[in-house]
Protein backbone atom coordinates (compact mmCIF):
# COMPACT_ATOMS: atom_id res chain seq x y z
CA MET A 1 -15.62 -9.48 -29.94
CA SER A 2 -17.81 -12.51 -29.40
CA TYR A 3 -16.52 -15.97 -28.57
CA GLN A 4 -17.73 -17.26 -31.96
CA ASN A 5 -15.77 -14.53 -33.76
CA PHE A 6 -12.67 -15.47 -31.80
CA LYS A 7 -12.98 -19.08 -32.87
CA ARG A 8 -13.13 -18.05 -36.54
CA MET A 9 -9.99 -15.95 -36.23
CA GLN A 10 -7.67 -18.85 -35.50
CA ARG A 11 -4.44 -18.78 -37.50
CA THR A 12 -4.46 -22.48 -38.25
CA GLY A 13 -8.03 -22.56 -39.49
CA SER A 14 -8.83 -25.37 -37.07
CA ASN A 15 -11.33 -24.99 -34.28
CA LEU A 16 -9.91 -24.37 -30.85
CA GLU A 17 -11.67 -26.48 -28.25
CA TYR A 18 -11.87 -25.23 -24.66
CA SER A 19 -12.69 -27.33 -21.64
CA LYS A 20 -16.00 -26.77 -19.89
CA GLU A 21 -14.08 -25.41 -16.89
CA THR A 22 -12.15 -22.91 -19.01
CA GLU A 23 -15.35 -21.63 -20.64
CA GLU A 24 -17.06 -21.33 -17.24
CA LEU A 25 -14.13 -19.45 -15.78
CA ALA A 26 -14.08 -17.05 -18.74
CA ARG A 27 -17.84 -16.44 -18.37
CA PHE A 28 -17.50 -15.69 -14.66
CA SER A 29 -14.43 -13.51 -15.28
CA LYS A 30 -16.24 -11.43 -17.88
CA ALA A 31 -19.14 -10.86 -15.51
CA LEU A 32 -16.75 -9.77 -12.76
CA GLY A 33 -14.88 -7.45 -15.12
CA HIS A 34 -16.66 -4.23 -14.13
CA PRO A 35 -16.38 -2.42 -10.76
CA ALA A 36 -20.15 -1.80 -10.61
CA ARG A 37 -20.80 -5.52 -10.80
CA ILE A 38 -18.39 -6.17 -7.95
CA ILE A 39 -20.25 -3.58 -5.86
CA ILE A 40 -23.58 -5.23 -6.73
CA LEU A 41 -22.26 -8.65 -5.70
CA LYS A 42 -20.84 -7.29 -2.43
CA HIS A 43 -24.18 -5.63 -1.71
CA LEU A 44 -26.09 -8.84 -2.43
CA SER A 45 -23.69 -10.87 -0.28
CA ASN A 46 -24.65 -8.79 2.76
CA GLN A 47 -28.37 -9.54 2.50
CA SER A 48 -30.64 -12.32 1.32
CA CYS A 49 -31.92 -10.35 -1.69
CA CYS A 50 -32.65 -6.91 -3.06
CA TYR A 51 -34.67 -5.16 -5.74
CA THR A 52 -33.25 -3.15 -8.64
CA GLY A 53 -34.53 0.10 -7.14
CA GLU A 54 -32.59 -0.49 -3.92
CA LEU A 55 -29.35 -0.56 -5.91
CA LEU A 56 -30.00 3.04 -7.00
CA ASP A 57 -29.08 4.03 -3.44
CA VAL A 58 -25.87 1.97 -3.61
CA LEU A 59 -24.60 2.99 -7.06
CA PRO A 60 -24.80 6.47 -8.59
CA LEU A 61 -25.90 5.03 -11.94
CA ALA A 62 -29.05 5.18 -14.01
CA GLN A 63 -31.54 2.39 -13.42
CA SER A 64 -31.06 1.20 -17.00
CA THR A 65 -27.31 0.92 -16.43
CA ILE A 66 -27.80 -1.01 -13.21
CA SER A 67 -30.27 -3.29 -14.99
CA GLN A 68 -27.68 -3.99 -17.67
CA HIS A 69 -25.09 -4.92 -15.04
CA LEU A 70 -27.63 -7.18 -13.34
CA LYS A 71 -28.35 -8.82 -16.69
CA GLU A 72 -24.64 -9.57 -17.20
CA LEU A 73 -24.36 -11.11 -13.74
CA LYS A 74 -27.54 -13.11 -14.28
CA ASP A 75 -26.45 -14.32 -17.74
CA ALA A 76 -23.18 -15.52 -16.19
CA GLY A 77 -25.19 -17.39 -13.55
CA LEU A 78 -23.76 -15.51 -10.58
CA ILE A 79 -27.13 -14.11 -9.51
CA ASP A 80 -30.77 -15.14 -9.79
CA GLY A 81 -33.69 -12.85 -10.54
CA GLU A 82 -37.25 -13.51 -9.44
CA VAL A 83 -40.03 -11.45 -10.98
CA ASN A 84 -42.46 -9.96 -8.47
CA PRO A 85 -44.38 -7.50 -10.67
CA PRO A 86 -43.56 -4.73 -11.07
CA LYS A 87 -40.20 -5.48 -9.45
CA ILE A 88 -37.43 -8.05 -9.87
CA LYS A 89 -35.79 -9.46 -6.76
CA TYR A 90 -32.11 -10.47 -7.08
CA CYS A 91 -29.95 -12.74 -4.95
CA ILE A 92 -26.61 -14.55 -5.20
CA HIS A 93 -26.82 -17.92 -6.99
CA THR A 94 -25.04 -19.87 -4.27
CA GLY A 95 -24.24 -22.97 -6.32
CA ASN A 96 -22.67 -21.03 -9.17
CA TRP A 97 -20.86 -18.73 -6.76
CA ILE A 98 -19.25 -21.77 -5.12
CA ARG A 99 -18.39 -23.13 -8.58
CA ALA A 100 -16.75 -19.81 -9.53
CA GLN A 101 -14.73 -19.81 -6.31
CA LYS A 102 -13.43 -23.31 -7.04
CA LEU A 103 -12.48 -22.40 -10.61
CA PHE A 104 -10.66 -19.24 -9.53
CA ASP A 105 -8.93 -21.14 -6.72
CA THR A 106 -7.67 -23.69 -9.24
CA LEU A 107 -6.38 -20.94 -11.53
CA PHE A 108 -4.68 -19.00 -8.75
CA LYS A 109 -3.01 -22.14 -7.39
CA GLU A 110 -1.19 -22.64 -10.71
CA ASP A 111 2.54 -22.33 -10.21
CA PHE A 112 3.52 -19.73 -12.78
CA ASN A 113 6.93 -19.39 -11.11
CA LYS A 114 8.08 -22.52 -12.94
CA ILE A 115 7.78 -20.64 -16.25
CA LYS A 116 10.91 -18.74 -17.25
CA CYS A 117 9.92 -15.57 -19.05
CA CYS A 118 11.50 -12.21 -19.82
């Protein structure tokens, strides 16, 4: 379900506004929501860059599947891709990675113990 569809499904009929930080955190979370993407990020964090073909040795997936995972990570801003025909070189987007770390740190520092539930 897309974000736009979610907004239209509100019970009150009014638009739900999210903060920029909340939307960023959700975008990063979605990109991190698949084990293959975590493996790709860990692989990229151990070197300055890599090409799509190199990831075929790391993940037992089809190149098209790996490319789709790379696209999700790139769309979320967690990695950059530089075209060097006929290859694309990928690396961690350091600024956005730091931003994601800060947003997750803020979320995980929330004191949910103060909430009485079940």
